Amino acid sequence: MPPKEKPLKNSEGPLTERQLTVLDGLTTGLRHAEISKTHGINLTVVRQEAAAIVRKMRCSTSAHAVAVYSQAVTYRSVAKRLRDGMIRDAQGFVTDEHVNHVLDGLALIYEERAASRLPK
């Protein structure tokens, strides 16, 4: 009989849907009380989820977690636009400079994700 998988500890694994909701709220500049009211989540739970986000992402503060998350979202958006041919120079070409900039940014995010378990 295979051993049972032990449940994830609070500081392990990817962010939950509720934690992503709280992180999205923090990213848009909402305070804990505003996130609580907007999403109908108890204020104490919002605070607990914010603390769990910081732990899971291995950040020092929620502001640091927001910065890492915002950077990841930005570079993913740029990479998608580059892939879809939406980013071009004045002559209509995708240059090595465009590609290298996005790849450098994505490499940084990959390193942050590997170190902090940022959601994919």
PDB file of N, CA and C in Angstrom:
ATOM      1  N   MET A   1       0.846  -1.181   0.000  1.00  0.00           N
ATOM      2  CA  MET A   1       0.000   0.000   0.000  1.00  0.00           C
ATOM      3  C   MET A   1       0.886   1.237   0.000  1.00  0.00           C
ATOM      4  N   PRO A   2       0.674   2.156  -0.985  1.00  0.00           N
ATOM      5  CA  PRO A   2       1.534   3.344  -1.043  1.00  0.00           C
ATOM      6  C   PRO A   2       1.282   4.263   0.148  1.00  0.00           C
ATOM      7  N   PRO A   3       2.336   4.961   0.580  1.00  0.00           N
ATOM      8  CA  PRO A   3       2.155   5.873   1.713  1.00  0.00           C
ATOM      9  C   PRO A   3       1.237   7.026   1.334  1.00  0.00           C
ATOM     10  N   LYS A   4       0.463   7.477   2.306  1.00  0.00           N
ATOM     11  CA  LYS A   4      -0.419   8.620   2.073  1.00  0.00           C
ATOM     12  C   LYS A   4       0.418   9.878   1.924  1.00  0.00           C
ATOM     13  N   GLU A   5      -0.041  10.748   1.026  1.00  0.00           N
ATOM     14  CA  GLU A   5       0.638  12.033   0.888  1.00  0.00           C
ATOM     15  C   GLU A   5       0.232  12.901   2.064  1.00  0.00           C
ATOM     16  N   LYS A   6       1.225  13.533   2.680  1.00  0.00           N
ATOM     17  CA  LYS A   6       0.884  14.414   3.785  1.00  0.00           C
ATOM     18  C   LYS A   6       0.374  15.741   3.235  1.00  0.00           C
ATOM     19  N   PRO A   7      -0.575  16.368   3.886  1.00  0.00           N
ATOM     20  CA  PRO A   7      -1.101  17.647   3.399  1.00  0.00           C
ATOM     21  C   PRO A   7      -0.015  18.716   3.425  1.00  0.00           C
ATOM     22  N   LEU A   8      -0.135  19.649   2.503  1.00  0.00           N
ATOM     23  CA  LEU A   8       0.840  20.737   2.434  1.00  0.00           C
ATOM     24  C   LEU A   8       0.739  21.616   3.663  1.00  0.00           C
ATOM     25  N   LYS A   9       1.869  22.030   4.146  1.00  0.00           N
ATOM     26  CA  LYS A   9       1.874  23.005   5.231  1.00  0.00           C
ATOM     27  C   LYS A   9       1.486  24.349   4.640  1.00  0.00           C
ATOM     28  N   ASN A  10       1.115  25.269   5.481  1.00  0.00           N
ATOM     29  CA  ASN A  10       0.674  26.582   5.026  1.00  0.00           C
ATOM     30  C   ASN A  10       1.745  27.304   4.205  1.00  0.00           C
ATOM     31  N   SER A  11       3.025  27.038   4.486  1.00  0.00           N
ATOM     32  CA  SER A  11       4.074  27.759   3.784  1.00  0.00           C
ATOM     33  C   SER A  11       4.614  26.978   2.593  1.00  0.00           C
ATOM     34  N   GLU A  12       3.934  25.904   2.181  1.00  0.00           N
ATOM     35  CA  GLU A  12       4.369  25.113   1.048  1.00  0.00           C
ATOM     36  C   GLU A  12       3.357  25.205  -0.074  1.00  0.00           C
ATOM     37  N   GLY A  13       3.822  24.918  -1.269  1.00  0.00           N
ATOM     38  CA  GLY A  13       2.936  24.837  -2.416  1.00  0.00           C
ATOM     39  C   GLY A  13       2.628  26.190  -3.028  1.00  0.00           C
ATOM     40  N   PRO A  14       1.884  26.151  -4.133  1.00  0.00           N
ATOM     41  CA  PRO A  14       1.529  27.392  -4.820  1.00  0.00           C
ATOM     42  C   PRO A  14       0.500  28.192  -4.026  1.00  0.00           C
ATOM     43  N   LEU A  15       0.322  29.421  -4.414  1.00  0.00           N
ATOM     44  CA  LEU A  15      -0.688  30.261  -3.768  1.00  0.00           C
ATOM     45  C   LEU A  15      -2.079  29.726  -4.092  1.00  0.00           C
ATOM     46  N   THR A  16      -2.966  29.802  -3.123  1.00  0.00           N
ATOM     47  CA  THR A  16      -4.349  29.373  -3.326  1.00  0.00           C
ATOM     48  C   THR A  16      -5.108  30.456  -4.087  1.00  0.00           C
ATOM     49  N   GLU A  17      -6.313  30.110  -4.531  1.00  0.00           N
ATOM     50  CA  GLU A  17      -7.146  31.095  -5.235  1.00  0.00           C
ATOM     51  C   GLU A  17      -7.419  32.312  -4.351  1.00  0.00           C
ATOM     52  N   ARG A  18      -7.722  32.074  -3.080  1.00  0.00           N
ATOM     53  CA  ARG A  18      -7.999  33.191  -2.176  1.00  0.00           C
ATOM     54  C   ARG A  18      -6.746  34.041  -1.985  1.00  0.00           C
ATOM     55  N   GLN A  19      -5.590  33.408  -1.868  1.00  0.00           N
ATOM     56  CA  GLN A  19      -4.350  34.167  -1.728  1.00  0.00           C
ATOM     57  C   GLN A  19      -4.073  34.992  -2.979  1.00  0.00           C
ATOM     58  N   LEU A  20      -4.367  34.433  -4.154  1.00  0.00           N
ATOM     59  CA  LEU A  20      -4.202  35.208  -5.393  1.00  0.00           C
ATOM     60  C   LEU A  20      -5.169  36.386  -5.433  1.00  0.00           C
ATOM     61  N   THR A  21      -6.381  36.187  -4.911  1.00  0.00           N
ATOM     62  CA  THR A  21      -7.354  37.286  -4.831  1.00  0.00           C
ATOM     63  C   THR A  21      -6.820  38.399  -3.934  1.00  0.00           C
ATOM     64  N   VAL A  22      -6.276  38.010  -2.780  1.00  0.00           N
ATOM     65  CA  VAL A  22      -5.706  39.004  -1.855  1.00  0.00           C
ATOM     66  C   VAL A  22      -4.501  39.694  -2.508  1.00  0.00           C
ATOM     67  N   LEU A  23      -3.647  38.918  -3.164  1.00  0.00           N
ATOM     68  CA  LEU A  23      -2.466  39.496  -3.813  1.00  0.00           C
ATOM     69  C   LEU A  23      -2.864  40.448  -4.932  1.00  0.00           C
ATOM     70  N   ASP A  24      -3.882  40.086  -5.706  1.00  0.00           N
ATOM     71  CA  ASP A  24      -4.385  40.996  -6.746  1.00  0.00           C
ATOM     72  C   ASP A  24      -4.882  42.298  -6.132  1.00  0.00           C
ATOM     73  N   GLY A  25      -5.598  42.183  -5.014  1.00  0.00           N
ATOM     74  CA  GLY A  25      -6.074  43.392  -4.333  1.00  0.00           C
ATOM     75  C   GLY A  25      -4.929  44.257  -3.846  1.00  0.00           C
ATOM     76  N   LEU A  26      -3.923  43.627  -3.240  1.00  0.00           N
ATOM     77  CA  LEU A  26      -2.756  44.389  -2.774  1.00  0.00           C
ATOM     78  C   LEU A  26      -2.034  45.046  -3.946  1.00  0.00           C
ATOM     79  N   THR A  27      -1.970  44.330  -5.071  1.00  0.00           N
ATOM     80  CA  THR A  27      -1.290  44.859  -6.258  1.00  0.00           C
ATOM     81  C   THR A  27      -1.992  46.099  -6.799  1.00  0.00           C
ATOM     82  N   THR A  28      -3.309  46.147  -6.664  1.00  0.00           N
ATOM     83  CA  THR A  28      -4.045  47.321  -7.154  1.00  0.00           C
ATOM     84  C   THR A  28      -4.086  48.442  -6.118  1.00  0.00           C
ATOM     85  N   GLY A  29      -3.431  48.218  -4.972  1.00  0.00           N
ATOM     86  CA  GLY A  29      -3.330  49.274  -3.975  1.00  0.00           C
ATOM     87  C   GLY A  29      -4.397  49.260  -2.896  1.00  0.00           C
ATOM     88  N   LEU A  30      -5.202  48.200  -2.866  1.00  0.00           N
ATOM     89  CA  LEU A  30      -6.234  48.125  -1.835  1.00  0.00           C
ATOM     90  C   LEU A  30      -5.625  47.781  -0.480  1.00  0.00           C
ATOM     91  N   ARG A  31      -6.225  48.304   0.560  1.00  0.00           N
ATOM     92  CA  ARG A  31      -5.827  47.955   1.921  1.00  0.00           C
ATOM     93  C   ARG A  31      -6.558  46.678   2.325  1.00  0.00           C
ATOM     94  N   HIS A  32      -6.108  46.053   3.408  1.00  0.00           N
ATOM     95  CA  HIS A  32      -6.725  44.807   3.864  1.00  0.00           C
ATOM     96  C   HIS A  32      -8.229  44.955   4.046  1.00  0.00           C
ATOM     97  N   ALA A  33      -8.652  46.046   4.682  1.00  0.00           N
ATOM     98  CA  ALA A  33     -10.082  46.256   4.931  1.00  0.00           C
ATOM     99  C   ALA A  33     -10.858  46.391   3.615  1.00  0.00           C
ATOM    100  N   GLU A  34     -10.252  47.034   2.625  1.00  0.00           N
ATOM    101  CA  GLU A  34     -10.921  47.194   1.331  1.00  0.00           C
ATOM    102  C   GLU A  34     -11.035  45.852   0.603  1.00  0.00           C
ATOM    103  N   ILE A  35     -10.000  45.037   0.700  1.00  0.00           N
ATOM    104  CA  ILE A  35     -10.047  43.699   0.098  1.00  0.00           C
ATOM    105  C   ILE A  35     -11.136  42.883   0.774  1.00  0.00           C
ATOM    106  N   SER A  36     -11.210  42.977   2.087  1.00  0.00           N
ATOM    107  CA  SER A  36     -12.216  42.261   2.858  1.00  0.00           C
ATOM    108  C   SER A  36     -13.624  42.635   2.400  1.00  0.00           C
ATOM    109  N   LYS A  37     -13.876  43.925   2.305  1.00  0.00           N
ATOM    110  CA  LYS A  37     -15.204  44.408   1.923  1.00  0.00           C
ATOM    111  C   LYS A  37     -15.520  44.074   0.461  1.00  0.00           C
ATOM    112  N   THR A  38     -14.554  44.272  -0.429  1.00  0.00           N
ATOM    113  CA  THR A  38     -14.765  44.043  -1.861  1.00  0.00           C
ATOM    114  C   THR A  38     -15.050  42.583  -2.180  1.00  0.00           C
ATOM    115  N   HIS A  39     -14.320  41.684  -1.529  1.00  0.00           N
ATOM    116  CA  HIS A  39     -14.428  40.263  -1.874  1.00  0.00           C
ATOM    117  C   HIS A  39     -15.201  39.444  -0.851  1.00  0.00           C
ATOM    118  N   GLY A  40     -15.711  40.092   0.181  1.00  0.00           N
ATOM    119  CA  GLY A  40     -16.510  39.387   1.173  1.00  0.00           C
ATOM    120  C   GLY A  40     -15.716  38.368   1.977  1.00  0.00           C
ATOM    121  N   ILE A  41     -14.459  38.706   2.243  1.00  0.00           N
ATOM    122  CA  ILE A  41     -13.584  37.838   3.034  1.00  0.00           C
ATOM    123  C   ILE A  41     -13.385  38.506   4.389  1.00  0.00           C
ATOM    124  N   ASN A  42     -13.474  37.737   5.446  1.00  0.00           N
ATOM    125  CA  ASN A  42     -13.266  38.262   6.790  1.00  0.00           C
ATOM    126  C   ASN A  42     -11.910  38.976   6.862  1.00  0.00           C
ATOM    127  N   LEU A  43     -11.862  40.113   7.537  1.00  0.00           N
ATOM    128  CA  LEU A  43     -10.639  40.910   7.625  1.00  0.00           C
ATOM    129  C   LEU A  43      -9.482  40.118   8.234  1.00  0.00           C
ATOM    130  N   THR A  44      -9.756  39.340   9.265  1.00  0.00           N
ATOM    131  CA  THR A  44      -8.710  38.521   9.882  1.00  0.00           C
ATOM    132  C   THR A  44      -8.154  37.511   8.884  1.00  0.00           C
ATOM    133  N   VAL A  45      -9.031  36.937   8.065  1.00  0.00           N
ATOM    134  CA  VAL A  45      -8.601  35.972   7.044  1.00  0.00           C
ATOM    135  C   VAL A  45      -7.740  36.668   5.990  1.00  0.00           C
ATOM    136  N   VAL A  46      -8.116  37.880   5.593  1.00  0.00           N
ATOM    137  CA  VAL A  46      -7.314  38.634   4.622  1.00  0.00           C
ATOM    138  C   VAL A  46      -5.909  38.850   5.181  1.00  0.00           C
ATOM    139  N   ARG A  47      -5.814  39.228   6.446  1.00  0.00           N
ATOM    140  CA  ARG A  47      -4.500  39.443   7.069  1.00  0.00           C
ATOM    141  C   ARG A  47      -3.702  38.145   7.124  1.00  0.00           C
ATOM    142  N   GLN A  48      -4.379  37.041   7.464  1.00  0.00           N
ATOM    143  CA  GLN A  48      -3.701  35.748   7.507  1.00  0.00           C
ATOM    144  C   GLN A  48      -3.214  35.332   6.122  1.00  0.00           C
ATOM    145  N   GLU A  49      -4.035  35.565   5.126  1.00  0.00           N
ATOM    146  CA  GLU A  49      -3.647  35.211   3.752  1.00  0.00           C
ATOM    147  C   GLU A  49      -2.482  36.078   3.273  1.00  0.00           C
ATOM    148  N   ALA A  50      -2.492  37.360   3.628  1.00  0.00           N
ATOM    149  CA  ALA A  50      -1.382  38.244   3.255  1.00  0.00           C
ATOM    150  C   ALA A  50      -0.081  37.755   3.887  1.00  0.00           C
ATOM    151  N   ALA A  51      -0.154  37.330   5.131  1.00  0.00           N
ATOM    152  CA  ALA A  51       1.039  36.796   5.801  1.00  0.00           C
ATOM    153  C   ALA A  51       1.489  35.492   5.141  1.00  0.00           C
ATOM    154  N   ALA A  52       0.545  34.651   4.746  1.00  0.00           N
ATOM    155  CA  ALA A  52       0.883  33.391   4.077  1.00  0.00           C
ATOM    156  C   ALA A  52       1.533  33.652   2.717  1.00  0.00           C
ATOM    157  N   ILE A  53       1.057  34.667   2.005  1.00  0.00           N
ATOM    158  CA  ILE A  53       1.635  35.046   0.712  1.00  0.00           C
ATOM    159  C   ILE A  53       3.106  35.419   0.896  1.00  0.00           C
ATOM    160  N   VAL A  54       3.379  36.248   1.881  1.00  0.00           N
ATOM    161  CA  VAL A  54       4.760  36.681   2.146  1.00  0.00           C
ATOM    162  C   VAL A  54       5.632  35.472   2.457  1.00  0.00           C
ATOM    163  N   ARG A  55       5.112  34.553   3.278  1.00  0.00           N
ATOM    164  CA  ARG A  55       5.876  33.337   3.622  1.00  0.00           C
ATOM    165  C   ARG A  55       6.113  32.462   2.402  1.00  0.00           C
ATOM    166  N   LYS A  56       5.046  32.188   1.649  1.00  0.00           N
ATOM    167  CA  LYS A  56       5.153  31.293   0.499  1.00  0.00           C
ATOM    168  C   LYS A  56       6.083  31.857  -0.576  1.00  0.00           C
ATOM    169  N   MET A  57       6.028  33.156  -0.773  1.00  0.00           N
ATOM    170  CA  MET A  57       6.869  33.772  -1.795  1.00  0.00           C
ATOM    171  C   MET A  57       8.269  34.081  -1.262  1.00  0.00           C
ATOM    172  N   ARG A  58       8.447  33.795   0.026  1.00  0.00           N
ATOM    173  CA  ARG A  58       9.723  34.048   0.699  1.00  0.00           C
ATOM    174  C   ARG A  58      10.181  35.489   0.513  1.00  0.00           C
ATOM    175  N   CYS A  59       9.250  36.378   0.709  1.00  0.00           N
ATOM    176  CA  CYS A  59       9.515  37.812   0.641  1.00  0.00           C
ATOM    177  C   CYS A  59       9.609  38.350   2.063  1.00  0.00           C
ATOM    178  N   SER A  60      10.148  39.553   2.188  1.00  0.00           N
ATOM    179  CA  SER A  60      10.285  40.136   3.512  1.00  0.00           C
ATOM    180  C   SER A  60       9.040  40.920   3.927  1.00  0.00           C
ATOM    181  N   THR A  61       8.318  41.450   2.966  1.00  0.00           N
ATOM    182  CA  THR A  61       7.111  42.229   3.244  1.00  0.00           C
ATOM    183  C   THR A  61       6.072  41.973   2.154  1.00  0.00           C
ATOM    184  N   SER A  62       4.852  42.415   2.410  1.00  0.00           N
ATOM    185  CA  SER A  62       3.828  42.284   1.368  1.00  0.00           C
ATOM    186  C   SER A  62       4.144  43.190   0.184  1.00  0.00           C
ATOM    187  N   ALA A  63       4.789  44.317   0.436  1.00  0.00           N
ATOM    188  CA  ALA A  63       5.179  45.206  -0.671  1.00  0.00           C
ATOM    189  C   ALA A  63       6.179  44.505  -1.596  1.00  0.00           C
ATOM    190  N   HIS A  64       7.100  43.743  -1.015  1.00  0.00           N
ATOM    191  CA  HIS A  64       8.054  42.982  -1.819  1.00  0.00           C
ATOM    192  C   HIS A  64       7.322  41.926  -2.635  1.00  0.00           C
ATOM    193  N   ALA A  65       6.362  41.228  -2.038  1.00  0.00           N
ATOM    194  CA  ALA A  65       5.579  40.221  -2.752  1.00  0.00           C
ATOM    195  C   ALA A  65       4.809  40.853  -3.917  1.00  0.00           C
ATOM    196  N   VAL A  66       4.238  42.026  -3.684  1.00  0.00           N
ATOM    197  CA  VAL A  66       3.515  42.742  -4.740  1.00  0.00           C
ATOM    198  C   VAL A  66       4.465  43.114  -5.877  1.00  0.00           C
ATOM    199  N   ALA A  67       5.669  43.566  -5.547  1.00  0.00           N
ATOM    200  CA  ALA A  67       6.648  43.946  -6.577  1.00  0.00           C
ATOM    201  C   ALA A  67       7.043  42.742  -7.430  1.00  0.00           C
ATOM    202  N   VAL A  68       7.306  41.614  -6.796  1.00  0.00           N
ATOM    203  CA  VAL A  68       7.690  40.398  -7.526  1.00  0.00           C
ATOM    204  C   VAL A  68       6.540  39.943  -8.422  1.00  0.00           C
ATOM    205  N   TYR A  69       5.328  39.937  -7.873  1.00  0.00           N
ATOM    206  CA  TYR A  69       4.148  39.522  -8.625  1.00  0.00           C
ATOM    207  C   TYR A  69       3.899  40.465  -9.812  1.00  0.00           C
ATOM    208  N   SER A  70       3.992  41.753  -9.589  1.00  0.00           N
ATOM    209  CA  SER A  70       3.766  42.731 -10.663  1.00  0.00           C
ATOM    210  C   SER A  70       4.776  42.564 -11.781  1.00  0.00           C
ATOM    211  N   GLN A  71       6.028  42.336 -11.412  1.00  0.00           N
ATOM    212  CA  GLN A  71       7.076  42.143 -12.415  1.00  0.00           C
ATOM    213  C   GLN A  71       6.787  40.897 -13.244  1.00  0.00           C
ATOM    214  N   ALA A  72       6.360  39.823 -12.588  1.00  0.00           N
ATOM    215  CA  ALA A  72       6.052  38.582 -13.306  1.00  0.00           C
ATOM    216  C   ALA A  72       4.911  38.794 -14.295  1.00  0.00           C
ATOM    217  N   VAL A  73       3.871  39.465 -13.858  1.00  0.00           N
ATOM    218  CA  VAL A  73       2.717  39.722 -14.728  1.00  0.00           C
ATOM    219  C   VAL A  73       3.137  40.571 -15.924  1.00  0.00           C
ATOM    220  N   THR A  74       3.945  41.588 -15.690  1.00  0.00           N
ATOM    221  CA  THR A  74       4.399  42.475 -16.766  1.00  0.00           C
ATOM    222  C   THR A  74       5.203  41.711 -17.809  1.00  0.00           C
ATOM    223  N   TYR A  75       6.184  40.937 -17.365  1.00  0.00           N
ATOM    224  CA  TYR A  75       7.026  40.227 -18.318  1.00  0.00           C
ATOM    225  C   TYR A  75       6.263  39.140 -19.060  1.00  0.00           C
ATOM    226  N   ARG A  76       5.316  38.497 -18.395  1.00  0.00           N
ATOM    227  CA  ARG A  76       4.500  37.504 -19.111  1.00  0.00           C
ATOM    228  C   ARG A  76       3.695  38.181 -20.214  1.00  0.00           C
ATOM    229  N   SER A  77       3.162  39.353 -19.921  1.00  0.00           N
ATOM    230  CA  SER A  77       2.388  40.093 -20.914  1.00  0.00           C
ATOM    231  C   SER A  77       3.269  40.498 -22.097  1.00  0.00           C
ATOM    232  N   VAL A  78       4.463  40.987 -21.800  1.00  0.00           N
ATOM    233  CA  VAL A  78       5.381  41.398 -22.863  1.00  0.00           C
ATOM    234  C   VAL A  78       5.795  40.190 -23.699  1.00  0.00           C
ATOM    235  N   ALA A  79       6.085  39.069 -23.044  1.00  0.00           N
ATOM    236  CA  ALA A  79       6.485  37.863 -23.766  1.00  0.00           C
ATOM    237  C   ALA A  79       5.365  37.397 -24.700  1.00  0.00           C
ATOM    238  N   LYS A  80       4.120  37.469 -24.230  1.00  0.00           N
ATOM    239  CA  LYS A  80       2.989  37.069 -25.064  1.00  0.00           C
ATOM    240  C   LYS A  80       2.854  38.003 -26.261  1.00  0.00           C
ATOM    241  N   ARG A  81       2.982  39.288 -26.019  1.00  0.00           N
ATOM    242  CA  ARG A  81       2.881  40.252 -27.124  1.00  0.00           C
ATOM    243  C   ARG A  81       4.013  40.059 -28.120  1.00  0.00           C
ATOM    244  N   LEU A  82       5.208  39.754 -27.631  1.00  0.00           N
ATOM    245  CA  LEU A  82       6.345  39.503 -28.514  1.00  0.00           C
ATOM    246  C   LEU A  82       6.092  38.244 -29.337  1.00  0.00           C
ATOM    247  N   ARG A  83       5.617  37.185 -28.672  1.00  0.00           N
ATOM    248  CA  ARG A  83       5.326  35.928 -29.365  1.00  0.00           C
ATOM    249  C   ARG A  83       4.254  36.125 -30.440  1.00  0.00           C
ATOM    250  N   ASP A  84       3.262  36.934 -30.138  1.00  0.00           N
ATOM    251  CA  ASP A  84       2.165  37.160 -31.077  1.00  0.00           C
ATOM    252  C   ASP A  84       2.503  38.195 -32.151  1.00  0.00           C
ATOM    253  N   GLY A  85       3.748  38.700 -32.150  1.00  0.00           N
ATOM    254  CA  GLY A  85       4.176  39.652 -33.167  1.00  0.00           C
ATOM    255  C   GLY A  85       3.637  41.056 -32.977  1.00  0.00           C
ATOM    256  N   MET A  86       3.238  41.396 -31.756  1.00  0.00           N
ATOM    257  CA  MET A  86       2.657  42.713 -31.495  1.00  0.00           C
ATOM    258  C   MET A  86       3.704  43.759 -31.108  1.00  0.00           C
ATOM    259  N   ILE A  87       4.945  43.323 -30.852  1.00  0.00           N
ATOM    260  CA  ILE A  87       6.007  44.268 -30.500  1.00  0.00           C
ATOM    261  C   ILE A  87       6.998  44.289 -31.648  1.00  0.00           C
ATOM    262  N   ARG A  88       7.156  45.439 -32.246  1.00  0.00           N
ATOM    263  CA  ARG A  88       8.076  45.592 -33.383  1.00  0.00           C
ATOM    264  C   ARG A  88       8.743  46.966 -33.285  1.00  0.00           C
ATOM    265  N   ASP A  89       9.872  47.109 -33.995  1.00  0.00           N
ATOM    266  CA  ASP A  89      10.526  48.409 -34.017  1.00  0.00           C
ATOM    267  C   ASP A  89       9.859  49.289 -35.067  1.00  0.00           C
ATOM    268  N   ALA A  90      10.424  50.476 -35.304  1.00  0.00           N
ATOM    269  CA  ALA A  90       9.817  51.438 -36.227  1.00  0.00           C
ATOM    270  C   ALA A  90       9.705  50.886 -37.648  1.00  0.00           C
ATOM    271  N   GLN A  91      10.603  49.983 -38.037  1.00  0.00           N
ATOM    272  CA  GLN A  91      10.555  49.392 -39.379  1.00  0.00           C
ATOM    273  C   GLN A  91       9.699  48.122 -39.440  1.00  0.00           C
ATOM    274  N   GLY A  92       9.123  47.732 -38.317  1.00  0.00           N
ATOM    275  CA  GLY A  92       8.246  46.576 -38.297  1.00  0.00           C
ATOM    276  C   GLY A  92       8.923  45.258 -37.988  1.00  0.00           C
ATOM    277  N   PHE A  93      10.136  45.321 -37.451  1.00  0.00           N
ATOM    278  CA  PHE A  93      10.870  44.090 -37.142  1.00  0.00           C
ATOM    279  C   PHE A  93      10.952  43.854 -35.638  1.00  0.00           C
ATOM    280  N   VAL A  94      11.002  42.597 -35.281  1.00  0.00           N
ATOM    281  CA  VAL A  94      11.306  42.228 -33.910  1.00  0.00           C
ATOM    282  C   VAL A  94      12.822  42.105 -33.855  1.00  0.00           C
ATOM    283  N   THR A  95      13.451  42.921 -33.040  1.00  0.00           N
ATOM    284  CA  THR A  95      14.909  42.942 -33.000  1.00  0.00           C
ATOM    285  C   THR A  95      15.452  42.025 -31.903  1.00  0.00           C
ATOM    286  N   ASP A  96      16.744  41.717 -32.022  1.00  0.00           N
ATOM    287  CA  ASP A  96      17.405  40.936 -30.974  1.00  0.00           C
ATOM    288  C   ASP A  96      17.317  41.661 -29.638  1.00  0.00           C
ATOM    289  N   GLU A  97      17.349  42.986 -29.667  1.00  0.00           N
ATOM    290  CA  GLU A  97      17.255  43.764 -28.428  1.00  0.00           C
ATOM    291  C   GLU A  97      15.924  43.510 -27.726  1.00  0.00           C
ATOM    292  N   HIS A  98      14.818  43.476 -28.504  1.00  0.00           N
ATOM    293  CA  HIS A  98      13.502  43.173 -27.925  1.00  0.00           C
ATOM    294  C   HIS A  98      13.517  41.804 -27.267  1.00  0.00           C
ATOM    295  N   VAL A  99      13.975  40.826 -28.023  1.00  0.00           N
ATOM    296  CA  VAL A  99      13.965  39.442 -27.543  1.00  0.00           C
ATOM    297  C   VAL A  99      14.847  39.306 -26.304  1.00  0.00           C
ATOM    298  N   ASN A 100      16.058  39.860 -26.353  1.00  0.00           N
ATOM    299  CA  ASN A 100      16.986  39.738 -25.220  1.00  0.00           C
ATOM    300  C   ASN A 100      16.436  40.410 -23.964  1.00  0.00           C
ATOM    301  N   HIS A 101      15.788  41.556 -24.121  1.00  0.00           N
ATOM    302  CA  HIS A 101      15.214  42.249 -22.972  1.00  0.00           C
ATOM    303  C   HIS A 101      14.154  41.380 -22.302  1.00  0.00           C
ATOM    304  N   VAL A 102      13.267  40.807 -23.101  1.00  0.00           N
ATOM    305  CA  VAL A 102      12.209  39.962 -22.546  1.00  0.00           C
ATOM    306  C   VAL A 102      12.797  38.696 -21.932  1.00  0.00           C
ATOM    307  N   LEU A 103      13.754  38.084 -22.615  1.00  0.00           N
ATOM    308  CA  LEU A 103      14.364  36.868 -22.070  1.00  0.00           C
ATOM    309  C   LEU A 103      15.094  37.141 -20.762  1.00  0.00           C
ATOM    310  N   ASP A 104      15.779  38.273 -20.667  1.00  0.00           N
ATOM    311  CA  ASP A 104      16.450  38.631 -19.409  1.00  0.00           C
ATOM    312  C   ASP A 104      15.425  38.799 -18.290  1.00  0.00           C
ATOM    313  N   GLY A 105      14.332  39.472 -18.590  1.00  0.00           N
ATOM    314  CA  GLY A 105      13.285  39.666 -17.589  1.00  0.00           C
ATOM    315  C   GLY A 105      12.651  38.362 -17.166  1.00  0.00           C
ATOM    316  N   LEU A 106      12.388  37.482 -18.136  1.00  0.00           N
ATOM    317  CA  LEU A 106      11.795  36.196 -17.804  1.00  0.00           C
ATOM    318  C   LEU A 106      12.763  35.323 -17.000  1.00  0.00           C
ATOM    319  N   ALA A 107      14.047  35.426 -17.284  1.00  0.00           N
ATOM    320  CA  ALA A 107      15.045  34.675 -16.510  1.00  0.00           C
ATOM    321  C   ALA A 107      15.041  35.130 -15.055  1.00  0.00           C
ATOM    322  N   LEU A 108      14.939  36.441 -14.838  1.00  0.00           N
ATOM    323  CA  LEU A 108      14.876  36.950 -13.468  1.00  0.00           C
ATOM    324  C   LEU A 108      13.630  36.434 -12.748  1.00  0.00           C
ATOM    325  N   ILE A 109      12.521  36.428 -13.459  1.00  0.00           N
ATOM    326  CA  ILE A 109      11.282  35.948 -12.857  1.00  0.00           C
ATOM    327  C   ILE A 109      11.374  34.457 -12.568  1.00  0.00           C
ATOM    328  N   TYR A 110      11.980  33.694 -13.470  1.00  0.00           N
ATOM    329  CA  TYR A 110      12.147  32.267 -13.226  1.00  0.00           C
ATOM    330  C   TYR A 110      12.964  32.035 -11.961  1.00  0.00           C
ATOM    331  N   GLU A 111      14.025  32.812 -11.792  1.00  0.00           N
ATOM    332  CA  GLU A 111      14.850  32.687 -10.590  1.00  0.00           C
ATOM    333  C   GLU A 111      14.041  33.053  -9.349  1.00  0.00           C
ATOM    334  N   GLU A 112      13.256  34.136  -9.419  1.00  0.00           N
ATOM    335  CA  GLU A 112      12.415  34.532  -8.286  1.00  0.00           C
ATOM    336  C   GLU A 112      11.390  33.439  -7.982  1.00  0.00           C
ATOM    337  N   ARG A 113      10.788  32.876  -9.039  1.00  0.00           N
ATOM    338  CA  ARG A 113       9.771  31.837  -8.838  1.00  0.00           C
ATOM    339  C   ARG A 113      10.401  30.605  -8.203  1.00  0.00           C
ATOM    340  N   ALA A 114      11.585  30.235  -8.691  1.00  0.00           N
ATOM    341  CA  ALA A 114      12.247  29.066  -8.138  1.00  0.00           C
ATOM    342  C   ALA A 114      12.575  29.290  -6.655  1.00  0.00           C
ATOM    343  N   ALA A 115      12.936  30.508  -6.326  1.00  0.00           N
ATOM    344  CA  ALA A 115      13.294  30.815  -4.947  1.00  0.00           C
ATOM    345  C   ALA A 115      12.060  31.055  -4.075  1.00  0.00           C
ATOM    346  N   SER A 116      10.967  31.494  -4.672  1.00  0.00           N
ATOM    347  CA  SER A 116       9.848  31.935  -3.839  1.00  0.00           C
ATOM    348  C   SER A 116       8.520  31.224  -4.098  1.00  0.00           C
ATOM    349  N   ARG A 117       8.488  30.316  -5.031  1.00  0.00           N
ATOM    350  CA  ARG A 117       7.264  29.593  -5.360  1.00  0.00           C
ATOM    351  C   ARG A 117       6.167  30.520  -5.874  1.00  0.00           C
ATOM    352  N   LEU A 118       6.561  31.494  -6.676  1.00  0.00           N
ATOM    353  CA  LEU A 118       5.581  32.378  -7.310  1.00  0.00           C
ATOM    354  C   LEU A 118       4.682  31.536  -8.216  1.00  0.00           C
ATOM    355  N   PRO A 119       3.377  31.769  -8.241  1.00  0.00           N
ATOM    356  CA  PRO A 119       2.509  30.960  -9.089  1.00  0.00           C
ATOM    357  C   PRO A 119       2.870  31.117 -10.552  1.00  0.00           C
ATOM    358  N   LYS A 120       2.690  30.048 -11.287  1.00  0.00           N
ATOM    359  CA  LYS A 120       3.033  30.053 -12.728  1.00  0.00           C
ATOM    360  C   LYS A 120       1.988  30.788 -13.512  1.00  0.00           C
TER     361      LYS A 120
END
